[in-house]
Amino acid sequence: FYWVNTTIMPFLDENGKPYQYLAIRNEVTALKEAEEEIKRMVNRLMYIQEEERKRFSSEIHDGIGQSLFGLTIQLDRLIDD
């Protein structure tokens, strides 16, 4: 199939009634395909960003969080001594 953009303009008689129409059609399949590709790319980017956010959160929780927990334990020991 293919996509077209159509503009229809009426020619009016002296009473304002249409007696003829002019139709202009432009084939826009490439434009529609490009729009769909952009949508796919935006969805992919959103997925990648979400995965990166999850990874970053996990690294912060597992990496920095664990380090802070270890430091807290050491600090508690120093305070107790």
N, C-alpha and C. Protein backbone atom coordinates (compact mmCIF):
# COMPACT_ATOMS: atom_id res chain seq x y z
N PHE A 1 0.83 -1.17 0.00
CA PHE A 1 0.00 0.00 0.00
C PHE A 1 0.87 1.24 0.00
N TYR A 2 0.26 2.37 -0.17
CA TYR A 2 0.99 3.63 -0.13
C TYR A 2 0.13 4.71 0.51
N TRP A 3 0.77 5.76 0.97
CA TRP A 3 0.09 6.87 1.64
C TRP A 3 0.02 8.06 0.70
N VAL A 4 -1.12 8.76 0.75
CA VAL A 4 -1.27 10.01 -0.01
C VAL A 4 -1.88 11.07 0.89
N ASN A 5 -1.50 12.30 0.63
CA ASN A 5 -2.12 13.46 1.26
C ASN A 5 -2.96 14.13 0.19
N THR A 6 -4.24 14.32 0.45
CA THR A 6 -5.15 14.86 -0.55
C THR A 6 -5.75 16.17 -0.07
N THR A 7 -5.73 17.16 -0.95
CA THR A 7 -6.41 18.44 -0.71
C THR A 7 -7.46 18.60 -1.79
N ILE A 8 -8.70 18.87 -1.38
CA ILE A 8 -9.79 19.03 -2.34
C ILE A 8 -10.34 20.45 -2.21
N MET A 9 -10.41 21.15 -3.34
CA MET A 9 -10.90 22.52 -3.36
C MET A 9 -12.09 22.63 -4.31
N PRO A 10 -13.22 23.12 -3.83
CA PRO A 10 -14.38 23.24 -4.71
C PRO A 10 -14.32 24.54 -5.53
N PHE A 11 -14.84 24.48 -6.75
CA PHE A 11 -15.09 25.68 -7.55
C PHE A 11 -16.57 25.98 -7.41
N LEU A 12 -16.88 27.20 -7.01
CA LEU A 12 -18.26 27.57 -6.72
C LEU A 12 -18.85 28.41 -7.85
N ASP A 13 -20.14 28.20 -8.09
CA ASP A 13 -20.83 29.03 -9.09
C ASP A 13 -21.28 30.34 -8.44
N GLU A 14 -22.02 31.14 -9.19
CA GLU A 14 -22.45 32.45 -8.68
C GLU A 14 -23.39 32.35 -7.48
N ASN A 15 -23.98 31.16 -7.27
CA ASN A 15 -24.86 30.95 -6.12
C ASN A 15 -24.11 30.35 -4.92
N GLY A 16 -22.81 30.16 -5.08
CA GLY A 16 -22.01 29.60 -3.99
C GLY A 16 -22.07 28.09 -3.90
N LYS A 17 -22.60 27.44 -4.94
CA LYS A 17 -22.69 25.98 -4.93
C LYS A 17 -21.55 25.41 -5.76
N PRO A 18 -20.97 24.33 -5.27
CA PRO A 18 -19.86 23.73 -6.02
C PRO A 18 -20.34 23.11 -7.33
N TYR A 19 -19.59 23.39 -8.38
CA TYR A 19 -19.90 22.78 -9.67
C TYR A 19 -18.75 21.90 -10.16
N GLN A 20 -17.60 22.03 -9.49
CA GLN A 20 -16.44 21.24 -9.88
C GLN A 20 -15.48 21.22 -8.68
N TYR A 21 -14.65 20.19 -8.64
CA TYR A 21 -13.67 20.08 -7.55
C TYR A 21 -12.29 19.89 -8.16
N LEU A 22 -11.30 20.44 -7.46
CA LEU A 22 -9.91 20.21 -7.83
C LEU A 22 -9.30 19.39 -6.70
N ALA A 23 -8.75 18.25 -7.03
CA ALA A 23 -8.11 17.40 -6.03
C ALA A 23 -6.61 17.36 -6.32
N ILE A 24 -5.83 17.63 -5.28
CA ILE A 24 -4.37 17.57 -5.39
C ILE A 24 -3.91 16.47 -4.44
N ARG A 25 -3.20 15.50 -4.99
CA ARG A 25 -2.71 14.38 -4.19
C ARG A 25 -1.20 14.37 -4.21
N ASN A 26 -0.63 14.16 -3.05
CA ASN A 26 0.81 14.01 -2.91
C ASN A 26 1.09 12.66 -2.27
N GLU A 27 1.98 11.91 -2.86
CA GLU A 27 2.37 10.61 -2.31
C GLU A 27 3.34 10.87 -1.16
N VAL A 28 2.99 10.40 0.05
CA VAL A 28 3.77 10.69 1.25
C VAL A 28 4.20 9.40 1.98
N THR A 29 4.34 8.32 1.24
CA THR A 29 4.71 7.05 1.87
C THR A 29 6.05 7.14 2.58
N ALA A 30 7.04 7.77 1.94
CA ALA A 30 8.37 7.88 2.56
C ALA A 30 8.29 8.67 3.87
N LEU A 31 7.48 9.71 3.89
CA LEU A 31 7.31 10.51 5.10
C LEU A 31 6.68 9.67 6.21
N LYS A 32 5.64 8.91 5.88
CA LYS A 32 4.98 8.06 6.88
C LYS A 32 5.93 6.98 7.40
N GLU A 33 6.73 6.41 6.51
CA GLU A 33 7.69 5.39 6.94
C GLU A 33 8.74 6.01 7.86
N ALA A 34 9.18 7.23 7.55
CA ALA A 34 10.15 7.92 8.40
C ALA A 34 9.54 8.22 9.77
N GLU A 35 8.28 8.62 9.80
CA GLU A 35 7.60 8.88 11.07
C GLU A 35 7.53 7.61 11.92
N GLU A 36 7.23 6.49 11.29
CA GLU A 36 7.17 5.22 12.02
C GLU A 36 8.55 4.83 12.55
N GLU A 37 9.58 5.05 11.76
CA GLU A 37 10.94 4.75 12.20
C GLU A 37 11.32 5.63 13.39
N ILE A 38 10.94 6.88 13.36
CA ILE A 38 11.21 7.78 14.48
C ILE A 38 10.49 7.27 15.73
N LYS A 39 9.25 6.84 15.59
CA LYS A 39 8.51 6.30 16.74
C LYS A 39 9.22 5.08 17.31
N ARG A 40 9.68 4.19 16.42
CA ARG A 40 10.40 2.99 16.89
C ARG A 40 11.68 3.39 17.62
N MET A 41 12.39 4.37 17.07
CA MET A 41 13.64 4.81 17.69
C MET A 41 13.40 5.47 19.04
N VAL A 42 12.34 6.26 19.15
CA VAL A 42 12.01 6.91 20.43
C VAL A 42 11.66 5.84 21.46
N ASN A 43 10.87 4.85 21.07
CA ASN A 43 10.52 3.76 21.99
C ASN A 43 11.76 3.00 22.43
N ARG A 44 12.66 2.74 21.50
CA ARG A 44 13.91 2.04 21.83
C ARG A 44 14.75 2.88 22.79
N LEU A 45 14.85 4.17 22.52
CA LEU A 45 15.61 5.06 23.39
C LEU A 45 15.02 5.10 24.79
N MET A 46 13.70 5.15 24.88
CA MET A 46 13.05 5.16 26.19
C MET A 46 13.34 3.86 26.94
N TYR A 47 13.33 2.74 26.23
CA TYR A 47 13.63 1.45 26.85
C TYR A 47 15.07 1.44 27.35
N ILE A 48 16.00 1.91 26.52
CA ILE A 48 17.41 1.93 26.90
C ILE A 48 17.63 2.84 28.10
N GLN A 49 16.99 4.00 28.10
CA GLN A 49 17.12 4.92 29.23
C GLN A 49 16.60 4.29 30.51
N GLU A 50 15.49 3.59 30.43
CA GLU A 50 14.93 2.94 31.62
C GLU A 50 15.86 1.84 32.12
N GLU A 51 16.41 1.06 31.19
CA GLU A 51 17.36 0.01 31.59
C GLU A 51 18.61 0.62 32.22
N GLU A 52 19.09 1.72 31.67
CA GLU A 52 20.27 2.38 32.23
C GLU A 52 19.96 2.95 33.62
N ARG A 53 18.75 3.50 33.78
CA ARG A 53 18.35 4.00 35.09
C ARG A 53 18.32 2.87 36.13
N LYS A 54 17.78 1.72 35.73
CA LYS A 54 17.75 0.56 36.63
C LYS A 54 19.16 0.10 36.98
N ARG A 55 20.03 0.05 35.96
CA ARG A 55 21.41 -0.38 36.20
C ARG A 55 22.12 0.58 37.14
N PHE A 56 21.95 1.87 36.89
CA PHE A 56 22.58 2.89 37.71
C PHE A 56 22.08 2.81 39.15
N SER A 57 20.77 2.64 39.32
CA SER A 57 20.19 2.51 40.67
C SER A 57 20.75 1.29 41.38
N SER A 58 20.87 0.20 40.64
CA SER A 58 21.40 -1.03 41.22
C SER A 58 22.86 -0.84 41.65
N GLU A 59 23.64 -0.18 40.79
CA GLU A 59 25.05 0.06 41.13
C GLU A 59 25.17 0.95 42.36
N ILE A 60 24.32 1.97 42.43
CA ILE A 60 24.36 2.85 43.60
C ILE A 60 23.98 2.06 44.85
N HIS A 61 22.91 1.29 44.73
CA HIS A 61 22.45 0.51 45.89
C HIS A 61 23.47 -0.53 46.29
N ASP A 62 23.93 -1.31 45.31
CA ASP A 62 24.83 -2.42 45.62
C ASP A 62 26.25 -1.95 45.88
N GLY A 63 26.71 -0.96 45.15
CA GLY A 63 28.09 -0.51 45.29
C GLY A 63 28.26 0.49 46.42
N ILE A 64 27.76 1.67 46.22
CA ILE A 64 27.90 2.73 47.21
C ILE A 64 27.16 2.38 48.49
N GLY A 65 25.97 1.82 48.33
CA GLY A 65 25.18 1.44 49.51
C GLY A 65 25.92 0.46 50.40
N GLN A 66 26.53 -0.54 49.79
CA GLN A 66 27.29 -1.53 50.56
C GLN A 66 28.50 -0.89 51.22
N SER A 67 29.17 0.00 50.49
CA SER A 67 30.34 0.68 51.06
C SER A 67 29.93 1.53 52.26
N LEU A 68 28.84 2.26 52.12
CA LEU A 68 28.36 3.08 53.24
C LEU A 68 27.96 2.21 54.43
N PHE A 69 27.35 1.08 54.14
CA PHE A 69 26.98 0.17 55.22
C PHE A 69 28.22 -0.32 55.95
N GLY A 70 29.25 -0.67 55.19
CA GLY A 70 30.51 -1.12 55.80
C GLY A 70 31.14 -0.02 56.63
N LEU A 71 31.13 1.20 56.12
CA LEU A 71 31.68 2.33 56.88
C LEU A 71 30.88 2.59 58.15
N THR A 72 29.57 2.41 58.08
CA THR A 72 28.72 2.59 59.26
C THR A 72 29.09 1.58 60.33
N ILE A 73 29.32 0.34 59.92
CA ILE A 73 29.71 -0.70 60.88
C ILE A 73 31.05 -0.34 61.51
N GLN A 74 32.01 0.09 60.69
CA GLN A 74 33.32 0.47 61.22
C GLN A 74 33.20 1.66 62.17
N LEU A 75 32.37 2.62 61.81
CA LEU A 75 32.17 3.79 62.67
C LEU A 75 31.55 3.38 63.99
N ASP A 76 30.57 2.47 63.95
CA ASP A 76 29.96 1.98 65.18
C ASP A 76 31.00 1.31 66.07
N ARG A 77 31.91 0.55 65.47
CA ARG A 77 32.97 -0.13 66.24
C ARG A 77 33.90 0.90 66.88
N LEU A 78 34.24 1.93 66.11
CA LEU A 78 35.12 2.97 66.65
C LEU A 78 34.45 3.71 67.81
N ILE A 79 33.16 3.96 67.66
CA ILE A 79 32.43 4.65 68.72
C ILE A 79 32.37 3.78 69.97
N ASP A 80 32.17 2.47 69.78
CA ASP A 80 32.09 1.55 70.91
C ASP A 80 33.43 1.40 71.62
N ASP A 81 34.54 1.58 70.90
CA ASP A 81 35.88 1.39 71.50
C ASP A 81 36.28 2.53 72.34
